[in-house]
Protein backbone atom coordinates (compact mmCIF):
# COMPACT_ATOMS: atom_id res chain seq x y z
CA MET A 1 83.38 138.00 59.84
CA PHE A 2 83.45 140.53 62.61
CA TYR A 3 80.71 143.09 62.58
CA LEU A 4 82.15 145.64 64.93
CA GLN A 5 80.77 148.67 63.14
CA ASN A 6 77.34 148.48 64.67
CA LYS A 7 76.44 147.97 68.31
CA GLN A 8 73.40 145.97 67.28
CA ASN A 9 75.54 143.20 65.82
CA LYS A 10 77.42 142.30 69.00
CA ILE A 11 75.56 139.00 69.16
CA CYS A 12 76.81 138.16 65.67
CA VAL A 13 80.39 138.76 66.82
CA ILE A 14 79.98 136.30 69.67
CA LEU A 15 78.40 133.69 67.42
CA ASP A 16 81.06 134.14 64.74
CA THR A 17 83.93 133.77 67.21
CA LYS A 18 82.32 130.62 68.58
CA LEU A 19 82.03 129.26 65.06
CA MET A 20 85.68 130.11 64.40
CA GLN A 21 86.74 128.29 67.57
CA GLU A 22 84.81 125.18 66.55
CA ARG A 23 86.37 125.27 63.08
CA PHE A 24 89.86 125.60 64.59
CA LEU A 25 89.29 122.63 66.87
CA ASN A 26 88.02 120.49 64.01
CA GLU A 27 90.81 121.49 61.60
CA SER A 28 93.67 121.11 64.04
CA SER A 29 92.37 117.83 65.56
CA VAL A 30 92.54 119.24 69.05
CA ASN A 31 88.95 118.36 69.75
CA PRO A 32 88.98 115.66 72.44
CA LEU A 33 85.43 114.59 71.66
CA LYS A 34 86.34 113.68 68.10
CA ASN A 35 88.77 110.85 68.85
CA LYS A 36 87.57 109.26 72.06
CA LYS A 37 89.02 105.85 71.26
CA PHE A 38 92.45 107.25 70.45
CA SER A 39 92.62 109.36 73.58
CA LYS A 40 91.46 106.45 75.75
CA LYS A 41 94.11 104.14 74.24
CA TYR A 42 96.73 106.83 74.68
CA LYS A 43 95.84 107.27 78.36
CA ILE A 44 96.00 103.51 78.93
CA LEU A 45 99.40 103.37 77.21
CA LEU A 46 100.73 106.18 79.38
CA LEU A 47 99.37 104.52 82.52
CA LYS A 48 100.98 101.18 81.62
CA ASN A 49 104.34 102.84 81.03
CA ALA A 50 104.10 104.74 84.29
CA ILE A 51 103.36 101.60 86.30
CA ALA A 52 105.76 99.24 84.51
CA VAL A 53 108.91 99.52 86.59
CA PRO A 54 111.44 96.69 86.65
CA SER A 55 111.83 95.09 90.06
CA PRO A 56 115.20 95.82 91.66
CA ASN A 57 117.52 92.99 92.64
CA VAL A 58 117.78 92.97 96.41
CA SER A 59 120.71 91.33 98.15
CA ILE A 60 121.31 91.57 101.88
CA ASP A 61 124.84 92.04 103.15
CA ALA A 62 124.97 89.89 106.29
CA LEU A 63 128.13 91.46 107.71
CA GLY A 64 126.82 95.00 107.24
CA LEU A 65 123.47 94.11 108.79
CA THR A 66 125.12 92.48 111.81
CA LEU A 67 127.47 95.39 112.42
CA SER A 68 124.60 97.86 112.06
CA ILE A 69 122.57 96.03 114.69
CA ILE A 70 125.57 95.90 117.05
CA SER A 71 126.20 99.63 116.60
CA MET A 72 122.55 100.44 117.33
CA VAL A 73 122.66 98.36 120.52
CA LEU A 74 125.87 100.08 121.62
CA ILE A 75 124.35 103.52 120.99
CA ILE A 76 121.28 102.62 123.07
CA VAL A 77 123.51 101.31 125.89
CA ALA A 78 125.55 104.53 125.75
CA ILE A 79 122.41 106.64 126.02
CA TYR A 80 121.08 104.71 129.03
CA ARG A 81 124.43 104.00 130.71
CA ASP A 82 123.69 106.28 133.67
CA TYR A 83 120.43 104.46 134.28
CA ILE A 84 121.99 101.01 133.89
CA PHE A 85 125.12 101.60 135.98
CA ARG A 86 123.84 104.12 138.52
CA GLY A 87 123.82 101.72 141.46
CA LYS A 88 127.51 100.86 141.26
CA ASP A 89 128.82 104.27 142.31
CA THR A 90 126.66 104.62 145.40
CA SER A 91 126.42 101.00 146.49
CA LYS A 92 127.65 100.13 149.97
CA SER A 93 128.12 96.68 151.27
CA ILE A 94 125.81 95.59 154.02
CA LYS A 95 128.42 93.52 155.86
CA ASN A 96 131.80 94.69 156.85
CA GLU A 97 134.21 93.13 154.43
CA VAL A 98 137.12 93.17 156.85
CA ALA A 99 136.57 91.30 160.07
CA ARG A 100 137.88 92.99 163.23
């Protein structure tokens, strides 16, 4: 099918290779335009399987949740302890506590 002997027949080579590609697509059923319905159904099937995920069973552990909240509060208090308790170290009483 290839006419490589003559330079004048280069166009025939291009046309023949195009014809061979079209034959290959038709024979091997790779042509996506041939089976539009099948490919559309296949895509829908893949999409349904990708989306269909069973819902997980969620149960909340009350003790764990409570202890987690307490630990977060304690961490925040520890971070801001200097700000919260700063007045106690430097506070002086206004009145004399011991009467003379």
